[in-house]
Amino acid sequence: MPIKKWIFQYSIAFPILSALFSSVQYIKGQTVSYSVTFGLTWAFISIAIFATRRAYNFKQNIDCQLCNDINGKEAQRK
Protein backbone atom coordinates (compact mmCIF):
# COMPACT_ATOMS: atom_id res chain seq x y z
CA MET A 1 0.00 0.00 0.00
CA PRO A 2 1.22 3.51 -0.72
CA ILE A 3 1.00 4.48 2.95
CA LYS A 4 3.44 7.41 2.75
CA LYS A 5 1.46 9.04 -0.06
CA TRP A 6 -1.83 8.61 1.78
CA ILE A 7 -0.45 9.95 5.06
CA PHE A 8 0.84 13.01 3.21
CA GLN A 9 -2.53 13.58 1.52
CA TYR A 10 -4.50 13.15 4.74
CA SER A 11 -2.11 15.40 6.67
CA ILE A 12 -3.01 18.13 4.19
CA ALA A 13 -6.73 17.35 4.16
CA PHE A 14 -7.18 17.17 7.95
CA PRO A 15 -6.42 20.83 8.79
CA ILE A 16 -8.37 22.04 5.76
CA LEU A 17 -11.45 20.03 6.72
CA SER A 18 -11.08 21.02 10.38
CA ALA A 19 -10.95 24.70 9.48
CA LEU A 20 -13.89 24.36 7.10
CA PHE A 21 -16.12 22.52 9.58
CA SER A 22 -15.10 24.81 12.44
CA SER A 23 -15.72 28.00 10.50
CA VAL A 24 -19.16 26.85 9.38
CA GLN A 25 -20.16 26.13 12.98
CA TYR A 26 -18.75 29.46 14.15
CA ILE A 27 -20.63 31.34 11.43
CA LYS A 28 -23.80 29.52 12.51
CA GLY A 29 -23.36 31.12 15.95
CA GLN A 30 -21.69 28.40 18.01
CA THR A 31 -18.93 29.13 20.52
CA VAL A 32 -15.30 28.89 19.44
CA SER A 33 -14.55 25.89 21.66
CA TYR A 34 -17.58 23.99 20.35
CA SER A 35 -16.72 24.92 16.77
CA VAL A 36 -13.13 23.70 17.07
CA THR A 37 -14.20 20.46 18.76
CA PHE A 38 -16.84 19.90 16.09
CA GLY A 39 -14.37 20.61 13.29
CA LEU A 40 -11.68 18.29 14.64
CA THR A 41 -14.15 15.50 15.33
CA TRP A 42 -15.86 15.54 11.97
CA ALA A 43 -12.63 16.02 10.03
CA PHE A 44 -11.25 12.91 11.74
CA ILE A 45 -14.44 10.93 11.07
CA SER A 46 -14.53 12.00 7.41
CA ILE A 47 -10.90 11.13 6.80
CA ALA A 48 -11.22 7.83 8.66
CA ILE A 49 -14.17 6.76 6.51
CA PHE A 50 -12.44 7.78 3.28
CA ALA A 51 -9.13 6.15 4.28
CA THR A 52 -10.81 2.91 5.34
CA ARG A 53 -12.70 2.64 2.08
CA ARG A 54 -9.60 3.54 0.10
CA ALA A 55 -7.55 0.83 1.86
CA TYR A 56 -10.35 -1.70 1.29
CA ASN A 57 -10.48 -0.85 -2.42
CA PHE A 58 -6.71 -1.14 -2.64
CA LYS A 59 -6.67 -4.57 -0.99
CA GLN A 60 -9.55 -5.84 -3.13
CA ASN A 61 -7.93 -4.37 -6.27
CA ILE A 62 -11.04 -2.31 -7.02
CA ASP A 63 -10.41 0.56 -9.41
CA CYS A 64 -11.23 3.91 -7.83
CA GLN A 65 -11.34 6.80 -10.29
CA LEU A 66 -11.43 9.41 -7.52
CA CYS A 67 -8.33 7.89 -5.93
CA ASN A 68 -6.59 7.79 -9.29
CA ASP A 69 -7.51 11.38 -10.11
CA ILE A 70 -5.87 12.63 -6.93
CA ASN A 71 -2.52 11.88 -8.51
CA GLY A 72 -2.71 12.91 -12.18
CA LYS A 73 0.32 10.89 -13.25
CA GLU A 74 -1.23 7.61 -12.16
CA ALA A 75 -4.48 8.44 -13.92
CA GLN A 76 -2.68 9.14 -17.18
CA ARG A 77 -0.89 5.77 -17.13
CA LYS A 78 -4.15 3.80 -17.12
PDB file of N, CA and C in Angstrom:
ATOM      1  N   MET A   1       0.834  -1.180   0.000  1.00  0.00           N
ATOM      2  CA  MET A   1       0.000   0.000   0.000  1.00  0.00           C
ATOM      3  C   MET A   1       0.880   1.247   0.000  1.00  0.00           C
ATOM      4  N   PRO A   2       0.462   2.251  -0.700  1.00  0.00           N
ATOM      5  CA  PRO A   2       1.217   3.514  -0.717  1.00  0.00           C
ATOM      6  C   PRO A   2       0.920   4.359   0.526  1.00  0.00           C
ATOM      7  N   ILE A   3       1.317   3.850   1.667  1.00  0.00           N
ATOM      8  CA  ILE A   3       1.000   4.481   2.951  1.00  0.00           C
ATOM      9  C   ILE A   3       1.572   5.895   3.053  1.00  0.00           C
ATOM     10  N   LYS A   4       2.812   6.084   2.626  1.00  0.00           N
ATOM     11  CA  LYS A   4       3.435   7.410   2.751  1.00  0.00           C
ATOM     12  C   LYS A   4       2.658   8.464   1.967  1.00  0.00           C
ATOM     13  N   LYS A   5       2.222   8.101   0.775  1.00  0.00           N
ATOM     14  CA  LYS A   5       1.464   9.037  -0.059  1.00  0.00           C
ATOM     15  C   LYS A   5       0.132   9.383   0.604  1.00  0.00           C
ATOM     16  N   TRP A   6      -0.531   8.375   1.147  1.00  0.00           N
ATOM     17  CA  TRP A   6      -1.825   8.611   1.779  1.00  0.00           C
ATOM     18  C   TRP A   6      -1.678   9.447   3.040  1.00  0.00           C
ATOM     19  N   ILE A   7      -0.668   9.164   3.839  1.00  0.00           N
ATOM     20  CA  ILE A   7      -0.449   9.953   5.058  1.00  0.00           C
ATOM     21  C   ILE A   7      -0.198  11.414   4.699  1.00  0.00           C
ATOM     22  N   PHE A   8       0.582  11.640   3.656  1.00  0.00           N
ATOM     23  CA  PHE A   8       0.842  13.013   3.213  1.00  0.00           C
ATOM     24  C   PHE A   8      -0.459  13.694   2.776  1.00  0.00           C
ATOM     25  N   GLN A   9      -1.272  13.004   1.991  1.00  0.00           N
ATOM     26  CA  GLN A   9      -2.526  13.584   1.516  1.00  0.00           C
ATOM     27  C   GLN A   9      -3.485  13.881   2.671  1.00  0.00           C
ATOM     28  N   TYR A  10      -3.585  12.950   3.617  1.00  0.00           N
ATOM     29  CA  TYR A  10      -4.497  13.153   4.738  1.00  0.00           C
ATOM     30  C   TYR A  10      -3.978  14.199   5.709  1.00  0.00           C
ATOM     31  N   SER A  11      -2.655  14.352   5.793  1.00  0.00           N
ATOM     32  CA  SER A  11      -2.112  15.400   6.667  1.00  0.00           C
ATOM     33  C   SER A  11      -2.386  16.791   6.097  1.00  0.00           C
ATOM     34  N   ILE A  12      -2.601  16.868   4.814  1.00  0.00           N
ATOM     35  CA  ILE A  12      -3.010  18.135   4.195  1.00  0.00           C
ATOM     36  C   ILE A  12      -4.524  18.323   4.332  1.00  0.00           C
ATOM     37  N   ALA A  13      -5.272  17.256   4.138  1.00  0.00           N
ATOM     38  CA  ALA A  13      -6.732  17.345   4.163  1.00  0.00           C
ATOM     39  C   ALA A  13      -7.281  17.607   5.560  1.00  0.00           C
ATOM     40  N   PHE A  14      -6.644  17.050   6.594  1.00  0.00           N
ATOM     41  CA  PHE A  14      -7.183  17.174   7.953  1.00  0.00           C
ATOM     42  C   PHE A  14      -7.308  18.623   8.418  1.00  0.00           C
ATOM     43  N   PRO A  15      -6.243  19.443   8.331  1.00  0.00           N
ATOM     44  CA  PRO A  15      -6.416  20.831   8.791  1.00  0.00           C
ATOM     45  C   PRO A  15      -7.386  21.636   7.924  1.00  0.00           C
ATOM     46  N   ILE A  16      -7.433  21.319   6.636  1.00  0.00           N
ATOM     47  CA  ILE A  16      -8.365  22.035   5.759  1.00  0.00           C
ATOM     48  C   ILE A  16      -9.804  21.709   6.143  1.00  0.00           C
ATOM     49  N   LEU A  17     -10.097  20.421   6.320  1.00  0.00           N
ATOM     50  CA  LEU A  17     -11.447  20.027   6.721  1.00  0.00           C
ATOM     51  C   LEU A  17     -11.798  20.557   8.109  1.00  0.00           C
ATOM     52  N   SER A  18     -10.843  20.499   9.025  1.00  0.00           N
ATOM     53  CA  SER A  18     -11.085  21.018  10.378  1.00  0.00           C
ATOM     54  C   SER A  18     -11.446  22.495  10.336  1.00  0.00           C
ATOM     55  N   ALA A  19     -10.686  23.260   9.585  1.00  0.00           N
ATOM     56  CA  ALA A  19     -10.953  24.696   9.476  1.00  0.00           C
ATOM     57  C   ALA A  19     -12.305  24.956   8.819  1.00  0.00           C
ATOM     58  N   LEU A  20     -12.619  24.193   7.798  1.00  0.00           N
ATOM     59  CA  LEU A  20     -13.891  24.365   7.104  1.00  0.00           C
ATOM     60  C   LEU A  20     -15.067  24.059   8.027  1.00  0.00           C
ATOM     61  N   PHE A  21     -15.031  22.894   8.675  1.00  0.00           N
ATOM     62  CA  PHE A  21     -16.124  22.524   9.580  1.00  0.00           C
ATOM     63  C   PHE A  21     -16.229  23.489  10.760  1.00  0.00           C
ATOM     64  N   SER A  22     -15.093  23.888  11.304  1.00  0.00           N
ATOM     65  CA  SER A  22     -15.097  24.815  12.444  1.00  0.00           C
ATOM     66  C   SER A  22     -15.670  26.169  12.054  1.00  0.00           C
ATOM     67  N   SER A  23     -15.249  26.680  10.913  1.00  0.00           N
ATOM     68  CA  SER A  23     -15.723  28.000  10.497  1.00  0.00           C
ATOM     69  C   SER A  23     -17.216  28.000  10.209  1.00  0.00           C
ATOM     70  N   VAL A  24     -17.719  26.924   9.644  1.00  0.00           N
ATOM     71  CA  VAL A  24     -19.160  26.847   9.385  1.00  0.00           C
ATOM     72  C   VAL A  24     -19.936  26.880  10.699  1.00  0.00           C
ATOM     73  N   GLN A  25     -19.479  26.133  11.689  1.00  0.00           N
ATOM     74  CA  GLN A  25     -20.164  26.132  12.981  1.00  0.00           C
ATOM     75  C   GLN A  25     -20.067  27.497  13.663  1.00  0.00           C
ATOM     76  N   TYR A  26     -18.916  28.135  13.543  1.00  0.00           N
ATOM     77  CA  TYR A  26     -18.747  29.462  14.154  1.00  0.00           C
ATOM     78  C   TYR A  26     -19.658  30.486  13.479  1.00  0.00           C
ATOM     79  N   ILE A  27     -19.750  30.426  12.168  1.00  0.00           N
ATOM     80  CA  ILE A  27     -20.626  31.341  11.430  1.00  0.00           C
ATOM     81  C   ILE A  27     -22.090  31.102  11.801  1.00  0.00           C
ATOM     82  N   LYS A  28     -22.428  29.849  12.099  1.00  0.00           N
ATOM     83  CA  LYS A  28     -23.796  29.524  12.509  1.00  0.00           C
ATOM     84  C   LYS A  28     -24.117  30.014  13.914  1.00  0.00           C
ATOM     85  N   GLY A  29     -23.101  30.531  14.642  1.00  0.00           N
ATOM     86  CA  GLY A  29     -23.359  31.124  15.945  1.00  0.00           C
ATOM     87  C   GLY A  29     -22.911  30.296  17.134  1.00  0.00           C
ATOM     88  N   GLN A  30     -22.187  29.233  16.909  1.00  0.00           N
ATOM     89  CA  GLN A  30     -21.691  28.404  18.014  1.00  0.00           C
ATOM     90  C   GLN A  30     -20.465  29.060  18.652  1.00  0.00           C
ATOM     91  N   THR A  31     -20.119  28.607  19.849  1.00  0.00           N
ATOM     92  CA  THR A  31     -18.929  29.133  20.519  1.00  0.00           C
ATOM     93  C   THR A  31     -17.674  28.613  19.819  1.00  0.00           C
ATOM     94  N   VAL A  32     -16.559  29.280  20.081  1.00  0.00           N
ATOM     95  CA  VAL A  32     -15.299  28.893  19.442  1.00  0.00           C
ATOM     96  C   VAL A  32     -14.878  27.496  19.881  1.00  0.00           C
ATOM     97  N   SER A  33     -14.984  27.207  21.172  1.00  0.00           N
ATOM     98  CA  SER A  33     -14.550  25.888  21.658  1.00  0.00           C
ATOM     99  C   SER A  33     -15.400  24.771  21.062  1.00  0.00           C
ATOM    100  N   TYR A  34     -16.707  24.992  20.973  1.00  0.00           N
ATOM    101  CA  TYR A  34     -17.575  23.990  20.354  1.00  0.00           C
ATOM    102  C   TYR A  34     -17.244  23.838  18.873  1.00  0.00           C
ATOM    103  N   SER A  35     -17.016  24.958  18.198  1.00  0.00           N
ATOM    104  CA  SER A  35     -16.720  24.923  16.768  1.00  0.00           C
ATOM    105  C   SER A  35     -15.435  24.156  16.481  1.00  0.00           C
ATOM    106  N   VAL A  36     -14.405  24.390  17.279  1.00  0.00           N
ATOM    107  CA  VAL A  36     -13.127  23.697  17.073  1.00  0.00           C
ATOM    108  C   VAL A  36     -13.280  22.207  17.354  1.00  0.00           C
ATOM    109  N   THR A  37     -13.966  21.875  18.437  1.00  0.00           N
ATOM    110  CA  THR A  37     -14.196  20.460  18.757  1.00  0.00           C
ATOM    111  C   THR A  37     -14.987  19.777  17.653  1.00  0.00           C
ATOM    112  N   PHE A  38     -16.021  20.434  17.177  1.00  0.00           N
ATOM    113  CA  PHE A  38     -16.837  19.900  16.092  1.00  0.00           C
ATOM    114  C   PHE A  38     -15.991  19.693  14.842  1.00  0.00           C
ATOM    115  N   GLY A  39     -15.200  20.694  14.490  1.00  0.00           N
ATOM    116  CA  GLY A  39     -14.370  20.608  13.293  1.00  0.00           C
ATOM    117  C   GLY A  39     -13.359  19.485  13.362  1.00  0.00           C
ATOM    118  N   LEU A  40     -12.671  19.362  14.487  1.00  0.00           N
ATOM    119  CA  LEU A  40     -11.679  18.291  14.643  1.00  0.00           C
ATOM    120  C   LEU A  40     -12.330  16.913  14.607  1.00  0.00           C
ATOM    121  N   THR A  41     -13.458  16.785  15.283  1.00  0.00           N
ATOM    122  CA  THR A  41     -14.150  15.495  15.333  1.00  0.00           C
ATOM    123  C   THR A  41     -14.612  15.052  13.958  1.00  0.00           C
ATOM    124  N   TRP A  42     -15.301  15.936  13.256  1.00  0.00           N
ATOM    125  CA  TRP A  42     -15.859  15.542  11.967  1.00  0.00           C
ATOM    126  C   TRP A  42     -14.804  15.449  10.870  1.00  0.00           C
ATOM    127  N   ALA A  43     -13.738  16.194  10.979  1.00  0.00           N
ATOM    128  CA  ALA A  43     -12.635  16.022  10.028  1.00  0.00           C
ATOM    129  C   ALA A  43     -12.011  14.646  10.211  1.00  0.00           C
ATOM    130  N   PHE A  44     -11.810  14.237  11.464  1.00  0.00           N
ATOM    131  CA  PHE A  44     -11.251  12.913  11.738  1.00  0.00           C
ATOM    132  C   PHE A  44     -12.181  11.813  11.238  1.00  0.00           C
ATOM    133  N   ILE A  45     -13.474  11.946  11.518  1.00  0.00           N
ATOM    134  CA  ILE A  45     -14.440  10.935  11.072  1.00  0.00           C
ATOM    135  C   ILE A  45     -14.464  10.845   9.551  1.00  0.00           C
ATOM    136  N   SER A  46     -14.492  11.984   8.873  1.00  0.00           N
ATOM    137  CA  SER A  46     -14.530  11.999   7.407  1.00  0.00           C
ATOM    138  C   SER A  46     -13.299  11.343   6.808  1.00  0.00           C
ATOM    139  N   ILE A  47     -12.141  11.695   7.326  1.00  0.00           N
ATOM    140  CA  ILE A  47     -10.902  11.132   6.799  1.00  0.00           C
ATOM    141  C   ILE A  47     -10.809   9.647   7.124  1.00  0.00           C
ATOM    142  N   ALA A  48     -11.265   9.245   8.300  1.00  0.00           N
ATOM    143  CA  ALA A  48     -11.224   7.826   8.664  1.00  0.00           C
ATOM    144  C   ALA A  48     -12.097   6.991   7.737  1.00  0.00           C
ATOM    145  N   ILE A  49     -13.280   7.482   7.419  1.00  0.00           N
ATOM    146  CA  ILE A  49     -14.169   6.759   6.507  1.00  0.00           C
ATOM    147  C   ILE A  49     -13.543   6.671   5.122  1.00  0.00           C
ATOM    148  N   PHE A  50     -13.040   7.780   4.610  1.00  0.00           N
ATOM    149  CA  PHE A  50     -12.442   7.784   3.281  1.00  0.00           C
ATOM    150  C   PHE A  50     -11.205   6.890   3.235  1.00  0.00           C
ATOM    151  N   ALA A  51     -10.355   6.950   4.263  1.00  0.00           N
ATOM    152  CA  ALA A  51      -9.128   6.150   4.285  1.00  0.00           C
ATOM    153  C   ALA A  51      -9.439   4.662   4.391  1.00  0.00           C
ATOM    154  N   THR A  52     -10.429   4.315   5.198  1.00  0.00           N
ATOM    155  CA  THR A  52     -10.809   2.910   5.338  1.00  0.00           C
ATOM    156  C   THR A  52     -11.322   2.354   4.023  1.00  0.00           C
ATOM    157  N   ARG A  53     -12.163   3.100   3.366  1.00  0.00           N
ATOM    158  CA  ARG A  53     -12.698   2.643   2.078  1.00  0.00           C
ATOM    159  C   ARG A  53     -11.600   2.577   1.020  1.00  0.00           C
ATOM    160  N   ARG A  54     -10.707   3.520   1.060  1.00  0.00           N
ATOM    161  CA  ARG A  54      -9.605   3.539   0.102  1.00  0.00           C
ATOM    162  C   ARG A  54      -8.681   2.335   0.310  1.00  0.00           C
ATOM    163  N   ALA A  55      -8.387   1.998   1.558  1.00  0.00           N
ATOM    164  CA  ALA A  55      -7.555   0.829   1.857  1.00  0.00           C
ATOM    165  C   ALA A  55      -8.267  -0.457   1.449  1.00  0.00           C
ATOM    166  N   TYR A  56      -9.573  -0.526   1.694  1.00  0.00           N
ATOM    167  CA  TYR A  56     -10.348  -1.700   1.287  1.00  0.00           C
ATOM    168  C   TYR A  56     -10.309  -1.868  -0.227  1.00  0.00           C
ATOM    169  N   ASN A  57     -10.533  -0.776  -0.962  1.00  0.00           N
ATOM    170  CA  ASN A  57     -10.480  -0.846  -2.424  1.00  0.00           C
ATOM    171  C   ASN A  57      -9.104  -1.263  -2.906  1.00  0.00           C
ATOM    172  N   PHE A  58      -8.066  -0.779  -2.254  1.00  0.00           N
ATOM    173  CA  PHE A  58      -6.707  -1.138  -2.644  1.00  0.00           C
ATOM    174  C   PHE A  58      -6.464  -2.627  -2.429  1.00  0.00           C
ATOM    175  N   LYS A  59      -6.886  -3.147  -1.282  1.00  0.00           N
ATOM    176  CA  LYS A  59      -6.671  -4.568  -0.987  1.00  0.00           C
ATOM    177  C   LYS A  59      -7.495  -5.474  -1.892  1.00  0.00           C
ATOM    178  N   GLN A  60      -8.686  -5.041  -2.267  1.00  0.00           N
ATOM    179  CA  GLN A  60      -9.547  -5.835  -3.133  1.00  0.00           C
ATOM    180  C   GLN A  60      -9.253  -5.606  -4.613  1.00  0.00           C
ATOM    181  N   ASN A  61      -8.311  -4.721  -4.899  1.00  0.00           N
ATOM    182  CA  ASN A  61      -7.927  -4.371  -6.268  1.00  0.00           C
ATOM    183  C   ASN A  61      -9.115  -3.808  -7.057  1.00  0.00           C
ATOM    184  N   ILE A  62      -9.902  -2.976  -6.395  1.00  0.00           N
ATOM    185  CA  ILE A  62     -11.038  -2.306  -7.019  1.00  0.00           C
ATOM    186  C   ILE A  62     -10.555  -0.963  -7.544  1.00  0.00           C
ATOM    187  N   ASP A  63     -10.839  -0.692  -8.806  1.00  0.00           N
ATOM    188  CA  ASP A  63     -10.405   0.562  -9.406  1.00  0.00           C
ATOM    189  C   ASP A  63     -11.246   1.712  -8.859  1.00  0.00           C
ATOM    190  N   CYS A  64     -10.572   2.743  -8.408  1.00  0.00           N
ATOM    191  CA  CYS A  64     -11.234   3.914  -7.834  1.00  0.00           C
ATOM    192  C   CYS A  64     -10.807   5.136  -8.644  1.00  0.00           C
ATOM    193  N   GLN A  65     -11.695   5.667  -9.450  1.00  0.00           N
ATOM    194  CA  GLN A  65     -11.342   6.803 -10.294  1.00  0.00           C
ATOM    195  C   GLN A  65     -11.016   8.039  -9.472  1.00  0.00           C
ATOM    196  N   LEU A  66     -11.726   8.258  -8.379  1.00  0.00           N
ATOM    197  CA  LEU A  66     -11.429   9.406  -7.522  1.00  0.00           C
ATOM    198  C   LEU A  66     -10.020   9.291  -6.955  1.00  0.00           C
ATOM    199  N   CYS A  67      -9.669   8.094  -6.485  1.00  0.00           N
ATOM    200  CA  CYS A  67      -8.328   7.889  -5.928  1.00  0.00           C
ATOM    201  C   CYS A  67      -7.266   8.089  -7.003  1.00  0.00           C
ATOM    202  N   ASN A  68      -7.551   7.644  -8.205  1.00  0.00           N
ATOM    203  CA  ASN A  68      -6.592   7.789  -9.292  1.00  0.00           C
ATOM    204  C   ASN A  68      -6.467   9.236  -9.745  1.00  0.00           C
ATOM    205  N   ASP A  69      -7.549   9.988  -9.677  1.00  0.00           N
ATOM    206  CA  ASP A  69      -7.513  11.383 -10.111  1.00  0.00           C
ATOM    207  C   ASP A  69      -6.759  12.276  -9.141  1.00  0.00           C
ATOM    208  N   ILE A  70      -6.601  11.829  -7.906  1.00  0.00           N
ATOM    209  CA  ILE A  70      -5.867  12.629  -6.932  1.00  0.00           C
ATOM    210  C   ILE A  70      -4.430  12.814  -7.383  1.00  0.00           C
ATOM    211  N   ASN A  71      -3.873  11.790  -7.966  1.00  0.00           N
ATOM    212  CA  ASN A  71      -2.521  11.878  -8.508  1.00  0.00           C
ATOM    213  C   ASN A  71      -2.639  11.762 -10.025  1.00  0.00           C
ATOM    214  N   GLY A  72      -2.507  12.858 -10.735  1.00  0.00           N
ATOM    215  CA  GLY A  72      -2.712  12.907 -12.179  1.00  0.00           C
ATOM    216  C   GLY A  72      -1.817  11.985 -12.973  1.00  0.00           C
ATOM    217  N   LYS A  73      -0.606  11.756 -12.519  1.00  0.00           N
ATOM    218  CA  LYS A  73       0.317  10.894 -13.252  1.00  0.00           C
ATOM    219  C   LYS A  73      -0.179   9.461 -13.290  1.00  0.00           C
ATOM    220  N   GLU A  74      -0.720   8.978 -12.193  1.00  0.00           N
ATOM    221  CA  GLU A  74      -1.230   7.609 -12.161  1.00  0.00           C
ATOM    222  C   GLU A  74      -2.451   7.471 -13.057  1.00  0.00           C
ATOM    223  N   ALA A  75      -3.283   8.491 -13.099  1.00  0.00           N
ATOM    224  CA  ALA A  75      -4.485   8.435 -13.918  1.00  0.00           C
ATOM    225  C   ALA A  75      -4.140   8.421 -15.399  1.00  0.00           C
ATOM    226  N   GLN A  76      -3.066   9.092 -15.782  1.00  0.00           N
ATOM    227  CA  GLN A  76      -2.676   9.136 -17.185  1.00  0.00           C
ATOM    228  C   GLN A  76      -2.095   7.815 -17.653  1.00  0.00           C
ATOM    229  N   ARG A  77      -1.488   7.046 -16.765  1.00  0.00           N
ATOM    230  CA  ARG A  77      -0.891   5.771 -17.133  1.00  0.00           C
ATOM    231  C   ARG A  77      -1.930   4.722 -17.468  1.00  0.00           C
ATOM    232  N   LYS A  78      -3.127   4.844 -16.915  1.00  0.00           N
ATOM    233  CA  LYS A  78      -4.146   3.798 -17.116  1.00  0.00           C
ATOM    234  C   LYS A  78      -4.918   3.999 -18.379  1.00  0.00           C
TER     235      LYS A  78
END
